[in-house]
Amino acid sequence: MTESSQNHSGYLTGQFLVAMPSMTDPRFQRTVIYLCVHNAEGAMGLVVNRLVDSLTFDELLEQLNIGRPRGGDEIRVHFGGPVESGRGFVLHSTEYMREGTVVMDNGIGLTATVDILRDIAGGTGPRDSLLALGYAGWGPGQLDGEIQENAWLTVPADADLLFDAELDDKWDRAVGILGFDPKLLSMESGRA
Protein backbone atom coordinates (compact mmCIF):
# COMPACT_ATOMS: atom_id res chain seq x y z
CA MET A 1 0.00 0.00 0.00
CA THR A 2 1.45 3.38 -0.89
CA GLU A 3 1.68 6.28 1.53
CA SER A 4 -0.91 8.21 -0.49
CA SER A 5 -3.49 5.46 -0.23
CA GLN A 6 -2.61 4.98 3.43
CA ASN A 7 -3.43 8.63 4.11
CA HIS A 8 -6.78 8.20 2.37
CA SER A 9 -7.40 5.22 4.64
CA GLY A 10 -6.76 7.34 7.72
CA TYR A 11 -3.11 6.38 8.14
CA LEU A 12 -0.48 9.04 8.73
CA THR A 13 2.79 7.56 7.43
CA GLY A 14 5.07 10.37 6.27
CA GLN A 15 3.39 13.04 8.41
CA PHE A 16 4.67 15.02 11.39
CA LEU A 17 3.11 14.27 14.73
CA VAL A 18 3.32 17.34 16.99
CA ALA A 19 2.80 17.07 20.75
CA MET A 20 -0.04 19.27 21.94
CA PRO A 21 0.56 21.62 24.90
CA SER A 22 -1.52 19.21 27.00
CA MET A 23 1.10 16.42 26.58
CA THR A 24 2.01 15.29 30.11
CA ASP A 25 4.72 12.72 29.27
CA PRO A 26 8.02 14.65 29.69
CA ARG A 27 9.69 12.47 27.03
CA PHE A 28 7.31 13.92 24.44
CA GLN A 29 6.54 17.48 25.58
CA ARG A 30 6.97 19.89 22.62
CA THR A 31 8.25 17.12 20.37
CA VAL A 32 7.94 16.81 16.62
CA ILE A 33 7.88 13.20 15.42
CA TYR A 34 8.24 12.02 11.83
CA LEU A 35 5.88 9.05 11.40
CA CYS A 36 7.75 6.31 9.51
CA VAL A 37 4.92 3.77 9.81
CA HIS A 38 1.25 4.07 10.73
CA ASN A 39 -1.06 1.20 9.87
CA ALA A 40 -3.50 -1.26 11.45
CA GLU A 41 -0.62 -2.93 13.32
CA GLY A 42 0.50 0.27 15.07
CA ALA A 43 2.82 3.20 14.49
CA MET A 44 6.53 4.00 14.64
CA GLY A 45 8.18 7.38 14.41
CA LEU A 46 11.32 9.33 15.24
CA VAL A 47 11.52 12.44 17.40
CA VAL A 48 13.29 15.03 15.21
CA ASN A 49 13.76 17.95 17.61
CA ARG A 50 15.68 16.48 20.57
CA LEU A 51 19.32 15.49 20.90
CA VAL A 52 21.00 12.74 22.90
CA ASP A 53 23.22 14.62 25.35
CA SER A 54 25.36 11.67 26.36
CA LEU A 55 26.74 10.54 22.98
CA THR A 56 28.45 12.23 20.04
CA PHE A 57 28.67 10.92 16.48
CA ASP A 58 32.42 10.33 16.93
CA GLU A 59 31.76 8.28 20.08
CA LEU A 60 29.09 6.26 18.28
CA LEU A 61 31.48 5.54 15.41
CA GLU A 62 34.13 4.49 17.90
CA GLN A 63 31.70 2.08 19.60
CA LEU A 64 30.90 0.57 16.19
CA ASN A 65 34.58 0.40 15.15
CA ILE A 66 34.00 2.77 12.24
CA GLY A 67 36.72 5.24 11.27
CA ARG A 68 36.24 8.89 12.16
CA PRO A 69 34.63 11.25 9.64
CA ARG A 70 36.75 13.36 7.33
CA GLY A 71 35.94 16.78 8.80
CA GLY A 72 32.91 18.69 7.62
CA ASP A 73 29.78 19.37 9.62
CA GLU A 74 29.37 17.70 12.99
CA ILE A 75 26.68 15.04 12.81
CA ARG A 76 24.32 15.27 15.77
CA VAL A 77 22.71 12.28 17.45
CA HIS A 78 18.98 12.74 18.03
CA PHE A 79 16.79 11.14 20.70
CA GLY A 80 14.45 9.20 18.40
CA GLY A 81 12.28 7.94 21.24
CA PRO A 82 12.30 5.77 24.34
CA VAL A 83 11.92 2.37 22.61
CA GLU A 84 15.14 0.44 21.82
CA SER A 85 17.33 3.45 22.61
CA GLY A 86 20.45 1.61 21.40
CA ARG A 87 19.05 1.08 17.91
CA GLY A 88 19.95 3.62 15.23
CA PHE A 89 17.87 5.02 12.38
CA VAL A 90 18.74 7.55 9.71
CA LEU A 91 16.08 9.61 7.94
CA HIS A 92 17.57 10.95 4.73
CA SER A 93 17.19 12.36 1.24
CA THR A 94 16.62 9.69 -1.39
CA GLU A 95 19.53 10.36 -3.74
CA TYR A 96 21.16 7.90 -1.29
CA MET A 97 19.74 4.39 -1.69
CA ARG A 98 21.14 1.15 -0.33
CA GLU A 99 19.82 -2.31 0.37
CA GLY A 100 17.47 -1.98 3.33
CA THR A 101 16.44 1.62 2.60
CA VAL A 102 12.68 2.18 2.89
CA VAL A 103 11.33 5.14 0.93
CA MET A 104 8.18 7.04 1.87
CA ASP A 105 6.16 8.52 -1.01
CA ASN A 106 7.10 12.03 0.13
CA GLY A 107 10.73 11.45 -0.85
CA ILE A 108 12.15 10.66 2.58
CA GLY A 109 14.24 7.53 3.05
CA LEU A 110 14.79 5.51 6.22
CA THR A 111 17.86 3.32 6.61
CA ALA A 112 18.67 1.39 9.78
CA THR A 113 21.90 -0.36 8.80
CA VAL A 114 25.45 0.35 9.95
CA ASP A 115 26.43 0.85 6.29
CA ILE A 116 24.83 4.29 6.19
CA LEU A 117 26.92 5.39 9.18
CA ARG A 118 30.06 4.19 7.40
CA ASP A 119 29.02 6.12 4.29
CA ILE A 120 28.27 9.29 6.28
CA ALA A 121 31.61 8.98 8.09
CA GLY A 122 33.38 8.46 4.75
CA GLY A 123 31.68 11.42 3.08
CA THR A 124 29.53 9.33 0.71
CA GLY A 125 26.28 9.40 2.67
CA PRO A 126 23.05 11.21 1.81
CA ARG A 127 22.97 14.96 1.15
CA ASP A 128 20.44 15.46 3.98
CA SER A 129 20.22 13.19 6.99
CA LEU A 130 19.04 12.96 10.57
CA LEU A 131 20.52 10.27 12.84
CA ALA A 132 18.35 9.07 15.73
CA LEU A 133 18.78 6.50 18.48
CA GLY A 134 15.59 4.81 19.62
CA TYR A 135 12.08 5.37 18.37
CA ALA A 136 8.55 6.15 19.49
CA GLY A 137 6.14 3.26 19.08
CA TRP A 138 2.42 2.63 19.49
CA GLY A 139 0.39 -0.58 19.43
CA PRO A 140 -2.67 -1.14 17.22
CA GLY A 141 -5.09 1.79 17.58
CA GLN A 142 -3.05 3.38 20.40
CA LEU A 143 -1.89 6.44 18.44
CA ASP A 144 -5.36 6.94 16.99
CA GLY A 145 -6.75 7.04 20.52
CA GLU A 146 -4.11 9.54 21.64
CA ILE A 147 -4.93 11.79 18.67
CA GLN A 148 -8.63 11.64 19.56
CA GLU A 149 -7.74 12.59 23.14
CA ASN A 150 -6.00 15.74 21.81
CA ALA A 151 -2.46 14.62 22.74
CA TRP A 152 -1.13 15.02 19.18
CA LEU A 153 -1.63 17.24 16.17
CA THR A 154 -0.87 15.91 12.68
CA VAL A 155 0.95 18.17 10.25
CA PRO A 156 2.10 17.57 6.65
CA ALA A 157 5.80 16.72 6.73
CA ASP A 158 8.22 19.19 5.21
CA ALA A 159 11.73 17.98 4.28
CA ASP A 160 13.26 21.42 4.88
CA LEU A 161 11.90 21.47 8.43
CA LEU A 162 12.75 17.80 9.01
CA PHE A 163 16.44 18.22 8.17
CA ASP A 164 16.82 21.76 9.56
CA ALA A 165 19.46 21.78 12.31
CA GLU A 166 17.70 24.54 14.29
CA LEU A 167 15.89 22.55 17.01
CA ASP A 168 14.81 25.22 19.53
CA ASP A 169 11.86 26.46 17.48
CA LYS A 170 11.13 23.38 15.34
CA TRP A 171 7.95 22.65 17.31
CA ASP A 172 6.65 26.21 16.70
CA ARG A 173 7.54 26.01 13.01
CA ALA A 174 5.83 22.60 12.64
CA VAL A 175 2.61 24.01 14.11
CA GLY A 176 3.05 27.05 11.87
CA ILE A 177 2.77 24.81 8.78
CA LEU A 178 -0.96 24.72 9.53
CA GLY A 179 -1.11 28.50 9.30
CA PHE A 180 -1.85 29.56 12.87
CA ASP A 181 0.02 30.77 15.92
CA PRO A 182 1.09 27.92 18.28
CA LYS A 183 -0.03 30.07 21.23
CA LEU A 184 -3.62 29.46 20.11
CA LEU A 185 -3.36 25.74 20.90
CA SER A 186 -5.38 24.72 23.93
CA MET A 187 -3.79 23.25 27.04
CA GLU A 188 -7.05 21.34 27.61
CA SER A 189 -7.47 17.76 26.50
CA GLY A 190 -10.71 16.24 25.35
CA ARG A 191 -13.05 16.28 22.40
CA ALA A 192 -15.41 18.83 20.95
C-alpha atoms as a PDB file:
ATOM      1  CA  MET A   1       0.000   0.000   0.000  1.00  0.00           C
ATOM      2  CA  THR A   2       1.447   3.383  -0.888  1.00  0.00           C
ATOM      3  CA  GLU A   3       1.685   6.283   1.529  1.00  0.00           C
ATOM      4  CA  SER A   4      -0.908   8.205  -0.493  1.00  0.00           C
ATOM      5  CA  SER A   5      -3.492   5.460  -0.230  1.00  0.00           C
ATOM      6  CA  GLN A   6      -2.610   4.981   3.434  1.00  0.00           C
ATOM      7  CA  ASN A   7      -3.435   8.625   4.109  1.00  0.00           C
ATOM      8  CA  HIS A   8      -6.778   8.202   2.368  1.00  0.00           C
ATOM      9  CA  SER A   9      -7.396   5.222   4.643  1.00  0.00           C
ATOM     10  CA  GLY A  10      -6.755   7.340   7.722  1.00  0.00           C
ATOM     11  CA  TYR A  11      -3.105   6.384   8.137  1.00  0.00           C
ATOM     12  CA  LEU A  12      -0.482   9.041   8.735  1.00  0.00           C
ATOM     13  CA  THR A  13       2.786   7.562   7.425  1.00  0.00           C
ATOM     14  CA  GLY A  14       5.074  10.369   6.272  1.00  0.00           C
ATOM     15  CA  GLN A  15       3.392  13.045   8.415  1.00  0.00           C
ATOM     16  CA  PHE A  16       4.667  15.018  11.386  1.00  0.00           C
ATOM     17  CA  LEU A  17       3.115  14.271  14.735  1.00  0.00           C
ATOM     18  CA  VAL A  18       3.323  17.340  16.986  1.00  0.00           C
ATOM     19  CA  ALA A  19       2.801  17.072  20.749  1.00  0.00           C
ATOM     20  CA  MET A  20      -0.045  19.267  21.937  1.00  0.00           C
ATOM     21  CA  PRO A  21       0.562  21.620  24.900  1.00  0.00           C
ATOM     22  CA  SER A  22      -1.522  19.207  27.000  1.00  0.00           C
ATOM     23  CA  MET A  23       1.100  16.422  26.575  1.00  0.00           C
ATOM     24  CA  THR A  24       2.012  15.293  30.106  1.00  0.00           C
ATOM     25  CA  ASP A  25       4.716  12.723  29.275  1.00  0.00           C
ATOM     26  CA  PRO A  26       8.023  14.648  29.695  1.00  0.00           C
ATOM     27  CA  ARG A  27       9.689  12.471  27.030  1.00  0.00           C
ATOM     28  CA  PHE A  28       7.311  13.917  24.444  1.00  0.00           C
ATOM     29  CA  GLN A  29       6.539  17.480  25.579  1.00  0.00           C
ATOM     30  CA  ARG A  30       6.970  19.891  22.624  1.00  0.00           C
ATOM     31  CA  THR A  31       8.247  17.122  20.367  1.00  0.00           C
ATOM     32  CA  VAL A  32       7.937  16.810  16.618  1.00  0.00           C
ATOM     33  CA  ILE A  33       7.875  13.200  15.425  1.00  0.00           C
ATOM     34  CA  TYR A  34       8.240  12.022  11.835  1.00  0.00           C
ATOM     35  CA  LEU A  35       5.879   9.047  11.396  1.00  0.00           C
ATOM     36  CA  CYS A  36       7.745   6.315   9.507  1.00  0.00           C
ATOM     37  CA  VAL A  37       4.921   3.774   9.815  1.00  0.00           C
ATOM     38  CA  HIS A  38       1.246   4.068  10.731  1.00  0.00           C
ATOM     39  CA  ASN A  39      -1.065   1.203   9.875  1.00  0.00           C
ATOM     40  CA  ALA A  40      -3.504  -1.258  11.451  1.00  0.00           C
ATOM     41  CA  GLU A  41      -0.619  -2.928  13.316  1.00  0.00           C
ATOM     42  CA  GLY A  42       0.504   0.267  15.065  1.00  0.00           C
ATOM     43  CA  ALA A  43       2.819   3.197  14.495  1.00  0.00           C
ATOM     44  CA  MET A  44       6.528   3.997  14.636  1.00  0.00           C
ATOM     45  CA  GLY A  45       8.180   7.380  14.408  1.00  0.00           C
ATOM     46  CA  LEU A  46      11.316   9.330  15.241  1.00  0.00           C
ATOM     47  CA  VAL A  47      11.525  12.440  17.402  1.00  0.00           C
ATOM     48  CA  VAL A  48      13.289  15.028  15.210  1.00  0.00           C
ATOM     49  CA  ASN A  49      13.764  17.947  17.614  1.00  0.00           C
ATOM     50  CA  ARG A  50      15.685  16.481  20.575  1.00  0.00           C
ATOM     51  CA  LEU A  51      19.319  15.493  20.901  1.00  0.00           C
ATOM     52  CA  VAL A  52      21.005  12.743  22.899  1.00  0.00           C
ATOM     53  CA  ASP A  53      23.216  14.619  25.346  1.00  0.00           C
ATOM     54  CA  SER A  54      25.358  11.671  26.362  1.00  0.00           C
ATOM     55  CA  LEU A  55      26.745  10.545  22.978  1.00  0.00           C
ATOM     56  CA  THR A  56      28.451  12.230  20.044  1.00  0.00           C
ATOM     57  CA  PHE A  57      28.667  10.921  16.484  1.00  0.00           C
ATOM     58  CA  ASP A  58      32.420  10.333  16.930  1.00  0.00           C
ATOM     59  CA  GLU A  59      31.765   8.281  20.084  1.00  0.00           C
ATOM     60  CA  LEU A  60      29.087   6.263  18.282  1.00  0.00           C
ATOM     61  CA  LEU A  61      31.475   5.544  15.410  1.00  0.00           C
ATOM     62  CA  GLU A  62      34.135   4.492  17.903  1.00  0.00           C
ATOM     63  CA  GLN A  63      31.697   2.079  19.604  1.00  0.00           C
ATOM     64  CA  LEU A  64      30.899   0.567  16.190  1.00  0.00           C
ATOM     65  CA  ASN A  65      34.584   0.405  15.151  1.00  0.00           C
ATOM     66  CA  ILE A  66      33.997   2.771  12.238  1.00  0.00           C
ATOM     67  CA  GLY A  67      36.716   5.243  11.272  1.00  0.00           C
ATOM     68  CA  ARG A  68      36.236   8.886  12.164  1.00  0.00           C
ATOM     69  CA  PRO A  69      34.630  11.247   9.643  1.00  0.00           C
ATOM     70  CA  ARG A  70      36.752  13.357   7.329  1.00  0.00           C
ATOM     71  CA  GLY A  71      35.939  16.780   8.796  1.00  0.00           C
ATOM     72  CA  GLY A  72      32.906  18.688   7.625  1.00  0.00           C
ATOM     73  CA  ASP A  73      29.777  19.373   9.621  1.00  0.00           C
ATOM     74  CA  GLU A  74      29.371  17.704  12.992  1.00  0.00           C
ATOM     75  CA  ILE A  75      26.677  15.037  12.811  1.00  0.00           C
ATOM     76  CA  ARG A  76      24.319  15.266  15.771  1.00  0.00           C
ATOM     77  CA  VAL A  77      22.715  12.283  17.446  1.00  0.00           C
ATOM     78  CA  HIS A  78      18.978  12.743  18.031  1.00  0.00           C
ATOM     79  CA  PHE A  79      16.794  11.136  20.698  1.00  0.00           C
ATOM     80  CA  GLY A  80      14.454   9.202  18.400  1.00  0.00           C
ATOM     81  CA  GLY A  81      12.280   7.942  21.237  1.00  0.00           C
ATOM     82  CA  PRO A  82      12.300   5.767  24.342  1.00  0.00           C
ATOM     83  CA  VAL A  83      11.919   2.371  22.608  1.00  0.00           C
ATOM     84  CA  GLU A  84      15.138   0.442  21.819  1.00  0.00           C
ATOM     85  CA  SER A  85      17.333   3.446  22.612  1.00  0.00           C
ATOM     86  CA  GLY A  86      20.451   1.610  21.405  1.00  0.00           C
ATOM     87  CA  ARG A  87      19.049   1.078  17.908  1.00  0.00           C
ATOM     88  CA  GLY A  88      19.951   3.617  15.232  1.00  0.00           C
ATOM     89  CA  PHE A  89      17.873   5.020  12.381  1.00  0.00           C
ATOM     90  CA  VAL A  90      18.745   7.553   9.705  1.00  0.00           C
ATOM     91  CA  LEU A  91      16.082   9.611   7.942  1.00  0.00           C
ATOM     92  CA  HIS A  92      17.570  10.952   4.727  1.00  0.00           C
ATOM     93  CA  SER A  93      17.185  12.364   1.238  1.00  0.00           C
ATOM     94  CA  THR A  94      16.616   9.689  -1.392  1.00  0.00           C
ATOM     95  CA  GLU A  95      19.527  10.358  -3.737  1.00  0.00           C
ATOM     96  CA  TYR A  96      21.157   7.897  -1.293  1.00  0.00           C
ATOM     97  CA  MET A  97      19.738   4.388  -1.694  1.00  0.00           C
ATOM     98  CA  ARG A  98      21.142   1.153  -0.328  1.00  0.00           C
ATOM     99  CA  GLU A  99      19.816  -2.313   0.372  1.00  0.00           C
ATOM    100  CA  GLY A 100      17.468  -1.984   3.332  1.00  0.00           C
ATOM    101  CA  THR A 101      16.440   1.619   2.603  1.00  0.00           C
ATOM    102  CA  VAL A 102      12.684   2.181   2.892  1.00  0.00           C
ATOM    103  CA  VAL A 103      11.330   5.139   0.929  1.00  0.00           C
ATOM    104  CA  MET A 104       8.180   7.036   1.867  1.00  0.00           C
ATOM    105  CA  ASP A 105       6.164   8.521  -1.012  1.00  0.00           C
ATOM    106  CA  ASN A 106       7.096  12.028   0.133  1.00  0.00           C
ATOM    107  CA  GLY A 107      10.730  11.446  -0.853  1.00  0.00           C
ATOM    108  CA  ILE A 108      12.150  10.660   2.584  1.00  0.00           C
ATOM    109  CA  GLY A 109      14.242   7.530   3.054  1.00  0.00           C
ATOM    110  CA  LEU A 110      14.788   5.506   6.222  1.00  0.00           C
ATOM    111  CA  THR A 111      17.859   3.322   6.610  1.00  0.00           C
ATOM    112  CA  ALA A 112      18.673   1.392   9.779  1.00  0.00           C
ATOM    113  CA  THR A 113      21.904  -0.361   8.798  1.00  0.00           C
ATOM    114  CA  VAL A 114      25.455   0.349   9.953  1.00  0.00           C
ATOM    115  CA  ASP A 115      26.431   0.853   6.291  1.00  0.00           C
ATOM    116  CA  ILE A 116      24.827   4.289   6.186  1.00  0.00           C
ATOM    117  CA  LEU A 117      26.916   5.387   9.183  1.00  0.00           C
ATOM    118  CA  ARG A 118      30.063   4.187   7.399  1.00  0.00           C
ATOM    119  CA  ASP A 119      29.021   6.123   4.294  1.00  0.00           C
ATOM    120  CA  ILE A 120      28.265   9.290   6.282  1.00  0.00           C
ATOM    121  CA  ALA A 121      31.614   8.975   8.089  1.00  0.00           C
ATOM    122  CA  GLY A 122      33.381   8.465   4.752  1.00  0.00           C
ATOM    123  CA  GLY A 123      31.683  11.421   3.084  1.00  0.00           C
ATOM    124  CA  THR A 124      29.530   9.333   0.708  1.00  0.00           C
ATOM    125  CA  GLY A 125      26.280   9.400   2.668  1.00  0.00           C
ATOM    126  CA  PRO A 126      23.054  11.206   1.814  1.00  0.00           C
ATOM    127  CA  ARG A 127      22.966  14.962   1.146  1.00  0.00           C
ATOM    128  CA  ASP A 128      20.443  15.463   3.976  1.00  0.00           C
ATOM    129  CA  SER A 129      20.225  13.190   6.993  1.00  0.00           C
ATOM    130  CA  LEU A 130      19.042  12.955  10.570  1.00  0.00           C
ATOM    131  CA  LEU A 131      20.522  10.271  12.839  1.00  0.00           C
ATOM    132  CA  ALA A 132      18.345   9.072  15.728  1.00  0.00           C
ATOM    133  CA  LEU A 133      18.781   6.501  18.477  1.00  0.00           C
ATOM    134  CA  GLY A 134      15.592   4.811  19.624  1.00  0.00           C
ATOM    135  CA  TYR A 135      12.078   5.368  18.374  1.00  0.00           C
ATOM    136  CA  ALA A 136       8.551   6.146  19.489  1.00  0.00           C
ATOM    137  CA  GLY A 137       6.136   3.262  19.077  1.00  0.00           C
ATOM    138  CA  TRP A 138       2.424   2.635  19.489  1.00  0.00           C
ATOM    139  CA  GLY A 139       0.387  -0.578  19.427  1.00  0.00           C
ATOM    140  CA  PRO A 140      -2.675  -1.141  17.220  1.00  0.00           C
ATOM    141  CA  GLY A 141      -5.085   1.790  17.583  1.00  0.00           C
ATOM    142  CA  GLN A 142      -3.050   3.385  20.401  1.00  0.00           C
ATOM    143  CA  LEU A 143      -1.885   6.441  18.443  1.00  0.00           C
ATOM    144  CA  ASP A 144      -5.357   6.943  16.985  1.00  0.00           C
ATOM    145  CA  GLY A 145      -6.754   7.041  20.522  1.00  0.00           C
ATOM    146  CA  GLU A 146      -4.107   9.540  21.644  1.00  0.00           C
ATOM    147  CA  ILE A 147      -4.927  11.788  18.669  1.00  0.00           C
ATOM    148  CA  GLN A 148      -8.633  11.636  19.564  1.00  0.00           C
ATOM    149  CA  GLU A 149      -7.738  12.590  23.140  1.00  0.00           C
ATOM    150  CA  ASN A 150      -5.997  15.735  21.812  1.00  0.00           C
ATOM    151  CA  ALA A 151      -2.456  14.622  22.737  1.00  0.00           C
ATOM    152  CA  TRP A 152      -1.128  15.017  19.177  1.00  0.00           C
ATOM    153  CA  LEU A 153      -1.632  17.238  16.169  1.00  0.00           C
ATOM    154  CA  THR A 154      -0.870  15.907  12.678  1.00  0.00           C
ATOM    155  CA  VAL A 155       0.946  18.173  10.248  1.00  0.00           C
ATOM    156  CA  PRO A 156       2.096  17.574   6.653  1.00  0.00           C
ATOM    157  CA  ALA A 157       5.803  16.722   6.734  1.00  0.00           C
ATOM    158  CA  ASP A 158       8.220  19.187   5.213  1.00  0.00           C
ATOM    159  CA  ALA A 159      11.734  17.982   4.282  1.00  0.00           C
ATOM    160  CA  ASP A 160      13.261  21.423   4.884  1.00  0.00           C
ATOM    161  CA  LEU A 161      11.899  21.468   8.434  1.00  0.00           C
ATOM    162  CA  LEU A 162      12.747  17.800   9.006  1.00  0.00           C
ATOM    163  CA  PHE A 163      16.439  18.221   8.172  1.00  0.00           C
ATOM    164  CA  ASP A 164      16.818  21.757   9.555  1.00  0.00           C
ATOM    165  CA  ALA A 165      19.458  21.783  12.309  1.00  0.00           C
ATOM    166  CA  GLU A 166      17.697  24.541  14.289  1.00  0.00           C
ATOM    167  CA  LEU A 167      15.895  22.553  17.008  1.00  0.00           C
ATOM    168  CA  ASP A 168      14.814  25.216  19.527  1.00  0.00           C
ATOM    169  CA  ASP A 169      11.861  26.464  17.483  1.00  0.00           C
ATOM    170  CA  LYS A 170      11.135  23.379  15.344  1.00  0.00           C
ATOM    171  CA  TRP A 171       7.948  22.650  17.313  1.00  0.00           C
ATOM    172  CA  ASP A 172       6.653  26.208  16.699  1.00  0.00           C
ATOM    173  CA  ARG A 173       7.535  26.010  13.009  1.00  0.00           C
ATOM    174  CA  ALA A 174       5.834  22.604  12.644  1.00  0.00           C
ATOM    175  CA  VAL A 175       2.607  24.008  14.109  1.00  0.00           C
ATOM    176  CA  GLY A 176       3.046  27.054  11.867  1.00  0.00           C
ATOM    177  CA  ILE A 177       2.773  24.813   8.777  1.00  0.00           C
ATOM    178  CA  LEU A 178      -0.959  24.718   9.534  1.00  0.00           C
ATOM    179  CA  GLY A 179      -1.105  28.502   9.297  1.00  0.00           C
ATOM    180  CA  PHE A 180      -1.845  29.562  12.870  1.00  0.00           C
ATOM    181  CA  ASP A 181       0.018  30.768  15.924  1.00  0.00           C
ATOM    182  CA  PRO A 182       1.091  27.916  18.276  1.00  0.00           C
ATOM    183  CA  LYS A 183      -0.027  30.070  21.234  1.00  0.00           C
ATOM    184  CA  LEU A 184      -3.617  29.460  20.114  1.00  0.00           C
ATOM    185  CA  LEU A 185      -3.364  25.737  20.899  1.00  0.00           C
ATOM    186  CA  SER A 186      -5.377  24.724  23.928  1.00  0.00           C
ATOM    187  CA  MET A 187      -3.795  23.251  27.044  1.00  0.00           C
ATOM    188  CA  GLU A 188      -7.047  21.343  27.611  1.00  0.00           C
ATOM    189  CA  SER A 189      -7.475  17.763  26.498  1.00  0.00           C
ATOM    190  CA  GLY A 190     -10.707  16.235  25.353  1.00  0.00           C
ATOM    191  CA  ARG A 191     -13.051  16.279  22.400  1.00  0.00           C
ATOM    192  CA  ALA A 192     -15.412  18.827  20.954  1.00  0.00           C
END
